[in-house]
Amino acid sequence: MKSITVTELDHIVLNVRDIDASLAFYTGVLGLKAERVQEFKEGKIGFPSVRINGDTIIDLFPLKNASARQAGAGQAAGNLNHFCLVVEKEDFSGIVDYLKGHSVAILRGPISRWGARGRATSVYFHDPDENEVEIRCY
């Protein structure tokens, strides 16, 4: 594989201090639709989301969980947890070898995860500035 083609932005994950304040801002101020809030409040899932459009969401990750996760992964602290890009099946099929061939270490994956369009297979890695990037295929 010589290169990959990113087709869209699936989601970004923000580390947030106050889920309720963030939900109020993104739904009340920006007019986005909240998703999975009840499941989050019931402790069934780790974070709620807000939807930008049919294919793109923002996940609101509680900072207390994000801090522990980042410390364990060696990531720098910040508000951006990670962002996710989508590729087609033909580009994803060799993604691990492709990234390793470009001296990119794989953090996690391939692994099944939830995203803007439901379940997909994802691979996680860092960019040169230590930002975590997820590439996924539906």
C-alpha atoms as a PDB file:
ATOM      1  CA  MET A   1       0.000   0.000   0.000  1.00  0.00           C
ATOM      2  CA  LYS A   2       1.549   3.299  -1.111  1.00  0.00           C
ATOM      3  CA  SER A   3      -0.863   5.649   0.644  1.00  0.00           C
ATOM      4  CA  ILE A   4      -4.275   5.818   2.259  1.00  0.00           C
ATOM      5  CA  THR A   5      -7.228   8.054   1.524  1.00  0.00           C
ATOM      6  CA  VAL A   6      -9.019   9.614   4.482  1.00  0.00           C
ATOM      7  CA  THR A   7     -12.655  10.120   3.525  1.00  0.00           C
ATOM      8  CA  GLU A   8     -14.122  11.963   6.514  1.00  0.00           C
ATOM      9  CA  LEU A   9     -13.853  13.031  10.130  1.00  0.00           C
ATOM     10  CA  ASP A  10     -15.807  10.565  12.286  1.00  0.00           C
ATOM     11  CA  HIS A  11     -15.455  12.095  15.747  1.00  0.00           C
ATOM     12  CA  ILE A  12     -13.319  14.023  18.162  1.00  0.00           C
ATOM     13  CA  VAL A  13     -13.110  13.263  21.878  1.00  0.00           C
ATOM     14  CA  LEU A  14     -12.870  16.182  24.288  1.00  0.00           C
ATOM     15  CA  ASN A  15     -11.710  15.799  27.877  1.00  0.00           C
ATOM     16  CA  VAL A  16     -14.241  17.798  29.916  1.00  0.00           C
ATOM     17  CA  ARG A  17     -14.328  18.807  33.597  1.00  0.00           C
ATOM     18  CA  ASP A  18     -18.122  19.049  33.890  1.00  0.00           C
ATOM     19  CA  ILE A  19     -20.289  16.834  31.692  1.00  0.00           C
ATOM     20  CA  ASP A  20     -23.482  18.770  32.478  1.00  0.00           C
ATOM     21  CA  ALA A  21     -21.898  22.147  31.643  1.00  0.00           C
ATOM     22  CA  SER A  22     -20.467  20.738  28.415  1.00  0.00           C
ATOM     23  CA  LEU A  23     -23.782  19.185  27.425  1.00  0.00           C
ATOM     24  CA  ALA A  24     -25.550  22.484  28.166  1.00  0.00           C
ATOM     25  CA  PHE A  25     -23.047  24.381  26.010  1.00  0.00           C
ATOM     26  CA  TYR A  26     -23.044  22.043  23.021  1.00  0.00           C
ATOM     27  CA  THR A  27     -26.809  21.478  23.039  1.00  0.00           C
ATOM     28  CA  GLY A  28     -28.108  24.824  24.354  1.00  0.00           C
ATOM     29  CA  VAL A  29     -25.604  27.236  22.824  1.00  0.00           C
ATOM     30  CA  LEU A  30     -24.505  25.392  19.676  1.00  0.00           C
ATOM     31  CA  GLY A  31     -27.769  23.511  19.088  1.00  0.00           C
ATOM     32  CA  LEU A  32     -26.266  20.024  18.784  1.00  0.00           C
ATOM     33  CA  LYS A  33     -28.273  16.938  19.727  1.00  0.00           C
ATOM     34  CA  ALA A  34     -27.155  15.005  22.833  1.00  0.00           C
ATOM     35  CA  GLU A  35     -26.812  11.229  22.518  1.00  0.00           C
ATOM     36  CA  ARG A  36     -26.297   8.384  25.011  1.00  0.00           C
ATOM     37  CA  VAL A  37     -26.792  10.715  28.003  1.00  0.00           C
ATOM     38  CA  GLN A  38     -29.132   8.391  29.889  1.00  0.00           C
ATOM     39  CA  GLU A  39     -26.809   5.412  29.378  1.00  0.00           C
ATOM     40  CA  PHE A  40     -23.932   7.538  30.707  1.00  0.00           C
ATOM     41  CA  LYS A  41     -25.896   8.662  33.772  1.00  0.00           C
ATOM     42  CA  GLU A  42     -26.847   5.039  34.469  1.00  0.00           C
ATOM     43  CA  GLY A  43     -23.162   4.059  34.354  1.00  0.00           C
ATOM     44  CA  LYS A  44     -23.640   1.794  31.327  1.00  0.00           C
ATOM     45  CA  ILE A  45     -21.148   3.696  29.134  1.00  0.00           C
ATOM     46  CA  GLY A  46     -18.148   5.913  29.842  1.00  0.00           C
ATOM     47  CA  PHE A  47     -19.210   9.116  28.067  1.00  0.00           C
ATOM     48  CA  PRO A  48     -22.080  10.879  26.252  1.00  0.00           C
ATOM     49  CA  SER A  49     -21.863  12.473  22.816  1.00  0.00           C
ATOM     50  CA  VAL A  50     -23.289  15.378  20.835  1.00  0.00           C
ATOM     51  CA  ARG A  51     -24.051  15.011  17.141  1.00  0.00           C
ATOM     52  CA  ILE A  52     -22.853  17.517  14.529  1.00  0.00           C
ATOM     53  CA  ASN A  53     -24.476  15.716  11.575  1.00  0.00           C
ATOM     54  CA  GLY A  54     -25.369  12.189  10.488  1.00  0.00           C
ATOM     55  CA  ASP A  55     -21.738  11.135  10.255  1.00  0.00           C
ATOM     56  CA  THR A  56     -19.875  13.241  12.842  1.00  0.00           C
ATOM     57  CA  ILE A  57     -20.012  13.453  16.648  1.00  0.00           C
ATOM     58  CA  ILE A  58     -18.137  14.985  19.560  1.00  0.00           C
ATOM     59  CA  ASP A  59     -17.625  12.623  22.512  1.00  0.00           C
ATOM     60  CA  LEU A  60     -17.508  14.312  25.928  1.00  0.00           C
ATOM     61  CA  PHE A  61     -15.049  12.308  28.041  1.00  0.00           C
ATOM     62  CA  PRO A  62     -15.031  12.955  31.825  1.00  0.00           C
ATOM     63  CA  LEU A  63     -11.659  14.486  32.723  1.00  0.00           C
ATOM     64  CA  LYS A  64     -11.162  12.298  35.804  1.00  0.00           C
ATOM     65  CA  ASN A  65     -11.221   9.198  33.556  1.00  0.00           C
ATOM     66  CA  ALA A  66      -9.280  10.905  30.783  1.00  0.00           C
ATOM     67  CA  SER A  67      -6.483  11.980  33.122  1.00  0.00           C
ATOM     68  CA  ALA A  68      -5.899   8.431  34.308  1.00  0.00           C
ATOM     69  CA  ARG A  69      -6.082   7.105  30.775  1.00  0.00           C
ATOM     70  CA  GLN A  70      -3.643   9.680  29.460  1.00  0.00           C
ATOM     71  CA  ALA A  71      -1.192   9.186  32.300  1.00  0.00           C
ATOM     72  CA  GLY A  72      -1.167   5.467  31.583  1.00  0.00           C
ATOM     73  CA  ALA A  73      -0.698   5.985  27.860  1.00  0.00           C
ATOM     74  CA  GLY A  74       2.051   8.575  28.258  1.00  0.00           C
ATOM     75  CA  GLN A  75      -0.016  11.284  26.618  1.00  0.00           C
ATOM     76  CA  ALA A  76       0.310  14.953  27.409  1.00  0.00           C
ATOM     77  CA  ALA A  77      -2.620  16.412  29.327  1.00  0.00           C
ATOM     78  CA  GLY A  78      -5.004  18.548  27.298  1.00  0.00           C
ATOM     79  CA  ASN A  79      -8.597  18.990  26.266  1.00  0.00           C
ATOM     80  CA  LEU A  80      -8.356  16.962  23.064  1.00  0.00           C
ATOM     81  CA  ASN A  81      -8.399  13.283  23.951  1.00  0.00           C
ATOM     82  CA  HIS A  82      -8.157  12.077  20.334  1.00  0.00           C
ATOM     83  CA  PHE A  83      -9.701  12.526  16.917  1.00  0.00           C
ATOM     84  CA  CYS A  84     -10.902   9.886  14.505  1.00  0.00           C
ATOM     85  CA  LEU A  85     -10.557   9.667  10.730  1.00  0.00           C
ATOM     86  CA  VAL A  86     -12.396   7.267   8.423  1.00  0.00           C
ATOM     87  CA  VAL A  87     -10.864   5.243   5.611  1.00  0.00           C
ATOM     88  CA  GLU A  88     -12.397   2.710   3.224  1.00  0.00           C
ATOM     89  CA  LYS A  89     -11.946  -1.066   3.607  1.00  0.00           C
ATOM     90  CA  GLU A  90      -9.209  -1.317   0.986  1.00  0.00           C
ATOM     91  CA  ASP A  91      -7.109   1.262   2.852  1.00  0.00           C
ATOM     92  CA  PHE A  92      -7.815  -0.227   6.289  1.00  0.00           C
ATOM     93  CA  SER A  93      -6.922  -3.806   5.355  1.00  0.00           C
ATOM     94  CA  GLY A  94      -3.181  -3.093   5.536  1.00  0.00           C
ATOM     95  CA  ILE A  95      -3.228  -0.128   7.914  1.00  0.00           C
ATOM     96  CA  VAL A  96      -1.088  -1.654  10.687  1.00  0.00           C
ATOM     97  CA  ASP A  97       1.699  -2.640   8.288  1.00  0.00           C
ATOM     98  CA  TYR A  98       1.366   0.684   6.486  1.00  0.00           C
ATOM     99  CA  LEU A  99       1.770   2.696   9.690  1.00  0.00           C
ATOM    100  CA  LYS A 100       4.630   0.519  10.949  1.00  0.00           C
ATOM    101  CA  GLY A 101       6.280   0.959   7.548  1.00  0.00           C
ATOM    102  CA  HIS A 102       6.218   4.695   8.243  1.00  0.00           C
ATOM    103  CA  SER A 103       7.734   4.189  11.729  1.00  0.00           C
ATOM    104  CA  VAL A 104       4.406   4.823  13.472  1.00  0.00           C
ATOM    105  CA  ALA A 105       3.905   2.749  16.623  1.00  0.00           C
ATOM    106  CA  ILE A 106       0.439   1.282  17.170  1.00  0.00           C
ATOM    107  CA  LEU A 107      -1.050   2.127  20.584  1.00  0.00           C
ATOM    108  CA  ARG A 108      -4.171  -0.076  20.331  1.00  0.00           C
ATOM    109  CA  GLY A 109      -5.962  -2.103  17.740  1.00  0.00           C
ATOM    110  CA  PRO A 110      -7.322  -3.239  15.523  1.00  0.00           C
ATOM    111  CA  ILE A 111     -10.244  -3.126  17.944  1.00  0.00           C
ATOM    112  CA  SER A 112     -14.025  -2.754  17.641  1.00  0.00           C
ATOM    113  CA  ARG A 113     -15.312   0.601  18.912  1.00  0.00           C
ATOM    114  CA  TRP A 114     -18.453   2.740  18.779  1.00  0.00           C
ATOM    115  CA  GLY A 115     -18.453   5.878  16.599  1.00  0.00           C
ATOM    116  CA  ALA A 116     -20.649   8.301  14.709  1.00  0.00           C
ATOM    117  CA  ARG A 117     -22.164   5.571  12.538  1.00  0.00           C
ATOM    118  CA  GLY A 118     -22.123   2.724  15.056  1.00  0.00           C
ATOM    119  CA  ARG A 119     -19.524  -0.036  15.453  1.00  0.00           C
ATOM    120  CA  ALA A 120     -16.320  -0.010  13.423  1.00  0.00           C
ATOM    121  CA  THR A 121     -12.776  -1.347  13.601  1.00  0.00           C
ATOM    122  CA  SER A 122     -10.151   1.136  14.814  1.00  0.00           C
ATOM    123  CA  VAL A 123      -6.393   1.530  15.180  1.00  0.00           C
ATOM    124  CA  TYR A 124      -4.855   4.167  17.485  1.00  0.00           C
ATOM    125  CA  PHE A 125      -1.464   5.889  17.219  1.00  0.00           C
ATOM    126  CA  HIS A 126       0.261   9.217  17.922  1.00  0.00           C
ATOM    127  CA  ASP A 127       1.101  11.950  15.449  1.00  0.00           C
ATOM    128  CA  PRO A 128       4.527  13.667  15.717  1.00  0.00           C
ATOM    129  CA  ASP A 129       3.168  16.037  18.399  1.00  0.00           C
ATOM    130  CA  GLU A 130       1.845  13.162  20.528  1.00  0.00           C
ATOM    131  CA  ASN A 131      -1.794  13.825  19.617  1.00  0.00           C
ATOM    132  CA  GLU A 132      -3.695  10.563  19.598  1.00  0.00           C
ATOM    133  CA  VAL A 133      -5.232   9.695  16.226  1.00  0.00           C
ATOM    134  CA  GLU A 134      -7.748   6.957  15.534  1.00  0.00           C
ATOM    135  CA  ILE A 135      -8.270   5.565  12.042  1.00  0.00           C
ATOM    136  CA  ARG A 136     -11.350   3.463  11.552  1.00  0.00           C
ATOM    137  CA  CYS A 137     -13.260   1.548   8.932  1.00  0.00           C
ATOM    138  CA  TYR A 138     -16.993   0.836   8.999  1.00  0.00           C
END
